[in-house]
Amino acid sequence: MEIKCPNCLKIFNPDKKCERLILKMIKKNQKLAVIECSICYKDIIVNPLDLLSIINNKKEETVLYCPVCKDGIIEHIKDETEDFYGCGECGNVWETIDSIKSLIEVV
């Protein structure tokens, strides 16, 4: 189970105690957990139910964070009338995934 810290923007694996807490909260259908980042040691808020799909599918989905605000997650919006990628946090919109990737800085 990997979690991306919104403070230091690093991905970390929670320790066993934290992982047990998250699994316990998933069983209780709780939607808020405060855990400590094992890299920057700051408290972060996670929704354990968001991690449920990763646990159930035994795979990790690629999450693309907004290159503009750095906080939002890019979602693909597609229906009968619309087809675009957008950030729910800052409201930026892109027509293609390639236009987003061109904005991402490689470190």
N, C-alpha and C. Protein backbone atom coordinates (compact mmCIF):
# COMPACT_ATOMS: atom_id res chain seq x y z
N MET A 1 0.86 -1.17 0.00
CA MET A 1 0.00 0.00 0.00
C MET A 1 0.91 1.23 0.00
N GLU A 2 0.77 2.06 -1.02
CA GLU A 2 1.57 3.27 -1.11
C GLU A 2 0.67 4.49 -0.99
N ILE A 3 1.17 5.51 -0.32
CA ILE A 3 0.43 6.75 -0.11
C ILE A 3 1.33 7.90 -0.51
N LYS A 4 0.76 8.88 -1.22
CA LYS A 4 1.53 10.06 -1.59
C LYS A 4 1.23 11.16 -0.59
N CYS A 5 2.28 11.67 0.04
CA CYS A 5 2.13 12.72 1.04
C CYS A 5 1.88 14.05 0.33
N PRO A 6 0.82 14.77 0.70
CA PRO A 6 0.56 16.07 0.08
C PRO A 6 1.51 17.17 0.57
N ASN A 7 2.25 16.90 1.63
CA ASN A 7 3.19 17.89 2.15
C ASN A 7 4.54 17.84 1.43
N CYS A 8 5.17 16.67 1.42
CA CYS A 8 6.49 16.54 0.81
C CYS A 8 6.41 15.99 -0.62
N LEU A 9 5.21 15.54 -1.04
CA LEU A 9 4.94 15.00 -2.38
C LEU A 9 5.73 13.73 -2.68
N LYS A 10 6.15 13.03 -1.64
CA LYS A 10 6.86 11.75 -1.80
C LYS A 10 5.89 10.61 -1.53
N ILE A 11 6.16 9.48 -2.15
CA ILE A 11 5.34 8.29 -1.94
C ILE A 11 6.01 7.43 -0.88
N PHE A 12 5.20 6.97 0.08
CA PHE A 12 5.74 6.14 1.15
C PHE A 12 4.82 4.98 1.44
N ASN A 13 5.38 3.95 2.06
CA ASN A 13 4.61 2.80 2.54
C ASN A 13 4.37 2.99 4.03
N PRO A 14 3.13 2.95 4.47
CA PRO A 14 2.87 3.10 5.90
C PRO A 14 3.45 1.92 6.68
N ASP A 15 3.81 2.18 7.94
CA ASP A 15 4.32 1.10 8.77
C ASP A 15 3.18 0.13 9.10
N LYS A 16 3.51 -0.99 9.69
CA LYS A 16 2.52 -2.05 9.95
C LYS A 16 1.38 -1.57 10.85
N LYS A 17 1.71 -0.75 11.85
CA LYS A 17 0.69 -0.25 12.77
C LYS A 17 -0.31 0.63 12.00
N CYS A 18 0.20 1.50 11.16
CA CYS A 18 -0.64 2.39 10.37
C CYS A 18 -1.46 1.60 9.36
N GLU A 19 -0.86 0.61 8.75
CA GLU A 19 -1.56 -0.22 7.78
C GLU A 19 -2.72 -0.97 8.45
N ARG A 20 -2.49 -1.48 9.66
CA ARG A 20 -3.56 -2.17 10.40
C ARG A 20 -4.70 -1.20 10.70
N LEU A 21 -4.35 0.06 11.07
CA LEU A 21 -5.37 1.07 11.34
C LEU A 21 -6.21 1.34 10.10
N ILE A 22 -5.55 1.49 8.96
CA ILE A 22 -6.27 1.75 7.71
C ILE A 22 -7.18 0.59 7.35
N LEU A 23 -6.69 -0.63 7.46
CA LEU A 23 -7.52 -1.81 7.15
C LEU A 23 -8.72 -1.92 8.10
N LYS A 24 -8.50 -1.58 9.36
CA LYS A 24 -9.58 -1.60 10.35
C LYS A 24 -10.64 -0.56 9.99
N MET A 25 -10.19 0.62 9.56
CA MET A 25 -11.12 1.68 9.19
C MET A 25 -11.90 1.33 7.93
N ILE A 26 -11.26 0.62 7.00
CA ILE A 26 -11.96 0.19 5.78
C ILE A 26 -13.08 -0.78 6.15
N LYS A 27 -12.81 -1.70 7.07
CA LYS A 27 -13.85 -2.66 7.49
C LYS A 27 -15.04 -1.95 8.13
N LYS A 28 -14.76 -0.83 8.82
CA LYS A 28 -15.83 -0.07 9.48
C LYS A 28 -16.45 0.98 8.57
N ASN A 29 -15.99 1.05 7.32
CA ASN A 29 -16.50 2.00 6.33
C ASN A 29 -16.27 3.45 6.76
N GLN A 30 -15.20 3.71 7.49
CA GLN A 30 -14.87 5.06 7.92
C GLN A 30 -14.12 5.78 6.81
N LYS A 31 -14.33 7.09 6.72
CA LYS A 31 -13.83 7.84 5.58
C LYS A 31 -12.72 8.83 5.91
N LEU A 32 -12.18 8.79 7.10
CA LEU A 32 -11.15 9.76 7.46
C LEU A 32 -10.13 9.13 8.40
N ALA A 33 -8.88 9.23 8.02
CA ALA A 33 -7.80 8.75 8.87
C ALA A 33 -6.67 9.78 8.85
N VAL A 34 -6.12 10.04 10.00
CA VAL A 34 -4.97 10.93 10.10
C VAL A 34 -3.76 10.04 10.39
N ILE A 35 -2.80 10.06 9.49
CA ILE A 35 -1.60 9.25 9.66
C ILE A 35 -0.38 10.14 9.51
N GLU A 36 0.76 9.62 9.89
CA GLU A 36 2.00 10.38 9.79
C GLU A 36 2.82 9.91 8.59
N CYS A 37 3.29 10.87 7.81
CA CYS A 37 4.18 10.54 6.69
C CYS A 37 5.50 10.05 7.27
N SER A 38 5.97 8.92 6.78
CA SER A 38 7.22 8.36 7.30
C SER A 38 8.45 9.04 6.71
N ILE A 39 8.25 10.01 5.83
CA ILE A 39 9.38 10.73 5.23
C ILE A 39 9.54 12.12 5.87
N CYS A 40 8.45 12.92 5.87
CA CYS A 40 8.54 14.28 6.43
C CYS A 40 7.99 14.38 7.85
N TYR A 41 7.35 13.32 8.34
CA TYR A 41 6.80 13.21 9.69
C TYR A 41 5.68 14.20 9.98
N LYS A 42 5.01 14.69 8.95
CA LYS A 42 3.86 15.55 9.14
C LYS A 42 2.60 14.70 9.06
N ASP A 43 1.56 15.13 9.76
CA ASP A 43 0.29 14.43 9.71
C ASP A 43 -0.39 14.70 8.37
N ILE A 44 -1.00 13.65 7.84
CA ILE A 44 -1.77 13.79 6.60
C ILE A 44 -3.11 13.11 6.78
N ILE A 45 -4.08 13.55 6.01
CA ILE A 45 -5.42 12.99 6.06
C ILE A 45 -5.61 12.12 4.82
N VAL A 46 -6.05 10.90 5.03
CA VAL A 46 -6.34 10.00 3.92
C VAL A 46 -7.75 9.45 4.09
N ASN A 47 -8.35 9.10 2.97
CA ASN A 47 -9.62 8.41 2.99
C ASN A 47 -9.32 6.93 2.78
N PRO A 48 -9.44 6.11 3.81
CA PRO A 48 -9.12 4.69 3.67
C PRO A 48 -9.91 4.00 2.57
N LEU A 49 -11.12 4.48 2.29
CA LEU A 49 -11.92 3.86 1.25
C LEU A 49 -11.34 4.13 -0.13
N ASP A 50 -10.58 5.22 -0.30
CA ASP A 50 -9.89 5.46 -1.56
C ASP A 50 -8.82 4.40 -1.79
N LEU A 51 -8.24 3.91 -0.73
CA LEU A 51 -7.20 2.89 -0.82
C LEU A 51 -7.79 1.51 -1.03
N LEU A 52 -9.08 1.36 -0.80
CA LEU A 52 -9.75 0.06 -0.91
C LEU A 52 -9.63 -0.53 -2.31
N SER A 53 -9.75 0.31 -3.34
CA SER A 53 -9.67 -0.23 -4.70
C SER A 53 -8.28 -0.77 -4.98
N ILE A 54 -7.28 -0.15 -4.42
CA ILE A 54 -5.91 -0.63 -4.61
C ILE A 54 -5.74 -1.98 -3.90
N ILE A 55 -6.29 -2.10 -2.71
CA ILE A 55 -6.17 -3.34 -1.95
C ILE A 55 -6.95 -4.46 -2.62
N ASN A 56 -8.20 -4.17 -3.04
CA ASN A 56 -9.05 -5.20 -3.65
C ASN A 56 -8.51 -5.67 -4.99
N ASN A 57 -8.00 -4.76 -5.79
CA ASN A 57 -7.53 -5.13 -7.12
C ASN A 57 -6.10 -5.64 -7.11
N LYS A 58 -5.42 -5.51 -6.00
CA LYS A 58 -4.02 -5.94 -5.89
C LYS A 58 -3.15 -5.27 -6.95
N LYS A 59 -3.53 -4.07 -7.32
CA LYS A 59 -2.73 -3.31 -8.26
C LYS A 59 -2.84 -1.84 -7.89
N GLU A 60 -1.93 -1.08 -8.38
CA GLU A 60 -1.96 0.35 -8.12
C GLU A 60 -2.38 1.06 -9.38
N GLU A 61 -3.30 1.99 -9.24
CA GLU A 61 -3.72 2.79 -10.36
C GLU A 61 -2.81 4.01 -10.43
N THR A 62 -2.50 4.43 -11.63
CA THR A 62 -1.67 5.60 -11.80
C THR A 62 -2.50 6.83 -11.46
N VAL A 63 -1.97 7.64 -10.57
CA VAL A 63 -2.61 8.89 -10.18
C VAL A 63 -1.79 10.01 -10.77
N LEU A 64 -2.45 10.89 -11.49
CA LEU A 64 -1.77 12.02 -12.10
C LEU A 64 -2.19 13.28 -11.37
N TYR A 65 -1.23 13.89 -10.65
CA TYR A 65 -1.51 15.12 -9.92
C TYR A 65 -1.42 16.31 -10.85
N CYS A 66 -2.21 17.31 -10.58
CA CYS A 66 -2.30 18.50 -11.42
C CYS A 66 -0.94 19.21 -11.47
N PRO A 67 -0.43 19.48 -12.67
CA PRO A 67 0.85 20.17 -12.79
C PRO A 67 0.75 21.66 -12.48
N VAL A 68 -0.46 22.19 -12.36
CA VAL A 68 -0.64 23.62 -12.09
C VAL A 68 -0.72 23.88 -10.59
N CYS A 69 -1.71 23.26 -9.91
CA CYS A 69 -1.89 23.54 -8.48
C CYS A 69 -1.13 22.56 -7.59
N LYS A 70 -0.70 21.43 -8.13
CA LYS A 70 0.05 20.39 -7.42
C LYS A 70 -0.76 19.65 -6.35
N ASP A 71 -2.03 20.04 -6.12
CA ASP A 71 -2.85 19.40 -5.09
C ASP A 71 -3.92 18.50 -5.68
N GLY A 72 -4.52 18.92 -6.79
CA GLY A 72 -5.63 18.20 -7.38
C GLY A 72 -5.19 16.97 -8.15
N ILE A 73 -6.12 16.08 -8.35
CA ILE A 73 -5.88 14.87 -9.12
C ILE A 73 -6.62 15.01 -10.44
N ILE A 74 -5.93 14.70 -11.53
CA ILE A 74 -6.51 14.81 -12.86
C ILE A 74 -7.49 13.66 -13.08
N GLU A 75 -8.68 14.01 -13.52
CA GLU A 75 -9.72 13.02 -13.82
C GLU A 75 -10.08 13.11 -15.30
N HIS A 76 -10.38 11.96 -15.90
CA HIS A 76 -10.84 11.94 -17.29
C HIS A 76 -12.36 11.99 -17.27
N ILE A 77 -12.92 13.04 -17.86
CA ILE A 77 -14.36 13.22 -17.91
C ILE A 77 -14.81 12.91 -19.34
N LYS A 78 -15.67 11.89 -19.45
CA LYS A 78 -16.13 11.49 -20.78
C LYS A 78 -17.57 11.04 -20.69
N ASP A 79 -18.41 11.69 -21.50
CA ASP A 79 -19.79 11.24 -21.64
C ASP A 79 -20.24 11.53 -23.07
N GLU A 80 -21.54 11.59 -23.30
CA GLU A 80 -22.05 11.78 -24.66
C GLU A 80 -21.63 13.12 -25.27
N THR A 81 -21.48 14.14 -24.43
CA THR A 81 -21.21 15.49 -24.96
C THR A 81 -19.82 16.01 -24.66
N GLU A 82 -19.12 15.41 -23.71
CA GLU A 82 -17.82 15.95 -23.29
C GLU A 82 -16.76 14.86 -23.24
N ASP A 83 -15.53 15.26 -23.51
CA ASP A 83 -14.37 14.37 -23.41
C ASP A 83 -13.14 15.24 -23.13
N PHE A 84 -12.76 15.33 -21.84
CA PHE A 84 -11.63 16.16 -21.47
C PHE A 84 -11.01 15.65 -20.17
N TYR A 85 -9.88 16.20 -19.80
CA TYR A 85 -9.21 15.91 -18.55
C TYR A 85 -9.26 17.18 -17.71
N GLY A 86 -9.57 17.04 -16.43
CA GLY A 86 -9.69 18.23 -15.60
C GLY A 86 -9.23 17.99 -14.18
N CYS A 87 -8.88 19.09 -13.54
CA CYS A 87 -8.49 19.09 -12.13
C CYS A 87 -9.66 19.63 -11.32
N GLY A 88 -10.16 18.84 -10.41
CA GLY A 88 -11.28 19.25 -9.57
C GLY A 88 -10.88 20.28 -8.53
N GLU A 89 -9.60 20.40 -8.25
CA GLU A 89 -9.12 21.33 -7.22
C GLU A 89 -9.04 22.76 -7.76
N CYS A 90 -8.39 22.95 -8.90
CA CYS A 90 -8.18 24.31 -9.43
C CYS A 90 -9.03 24.61 -10.66
N GLY A 91 -9.65 23.60 -11.26
CA GLY A 91 -10.54 23.82 -12.38
C GLY A 91 -9.89 23.86 -13.75
N ASN A 92 -8.58 23.62 -13.84
CA ASN A 92 -7.93 23.60 -15.14
C ASN A 92 -8.43 22.43 -15.97
N VAL A 93 -8.49 22.64 -17.30
CA VAL A 93 -9.02 21.64 -18.23
C VAL A 93 -8.02 21.45 -19.37
N TRP A 94 -7.85 20.20 -19.81
CA TRP A 94 -6.98 19.87 -20.94
C TRP A 94 -7.75 18.95 -21.87
N GLU A 95 -7.47 19.06 -23.16
CA GLU A 95 -8.15 18.23 -24.15
C GLU A 95 -7.56 16.83 -24.24
N THR A 96 -6.23 16.72 -24.05
CA THR A 96 -5.58 15.41 -24.18
C THR A 96 -4.66 15.16 -23.01
N ILE A 97 -4.34 13.90 -22.78
CA ILE A 97 -3.41 13.54 -21.72
C ILE A 97 -2.00 14.01 -22.07
N ASP A 98 -1.68 14.04 -23.36
CA ASP A 98 -0.35 14.51 -23.77
C ASP A 98 -0.13 15.98 -23.44
N SER A 99 -1.20 16.79 -23.50
CA SER A 99 -1.06 18.20 -23.17
C SER A 99 -0.77 18.39 -21.68
N ILE A 100 -1.23 17.45 -20.85
CA ILE A 100 -0.93 17.52 -19.41
C ILE A 100 0.51 17.07 -19.17
N LYS A 101 0.88 15.97 -19.80
CA LYS A 101 2.23 15.43 -19.60
C LYS A 101 3.30 16.40 -20.03
N SER A 102 3.03 17.25 -21.00
CA SER A 102 4.02 18.22 -21.44
C SER A 102 4.29 19.28 -20.38
N LEU A 103 3.36 19.44 -19.42
CA LEU A 103 3.53 20.42 -18.35
C LEU A 103 4.25 19.86 -17.13
N ILE A 104 4.35 18.55 -17.06
CA ILE A 104 4.94 17.91 -15.88
C ILE A 104 6.45 18.03 -15.93
N GLU A 105 7.00 18.52 -14.82
CA GLU A 105 8.46 18.66 -14.73
C GLU A 105 9.08 17.32 -14.36
N VAL A 106 10.14 16.97 -15.03
CA VAL A 106 10.86 15.75 -14.72
C VAL A 106 11.97 16.10 -13.75
N VAL A 107 11.97 15.41 -12.60
CA VAL A 107 12.97 15.70 -11.57
C VAL A 107 14.07 14.66 -11.60
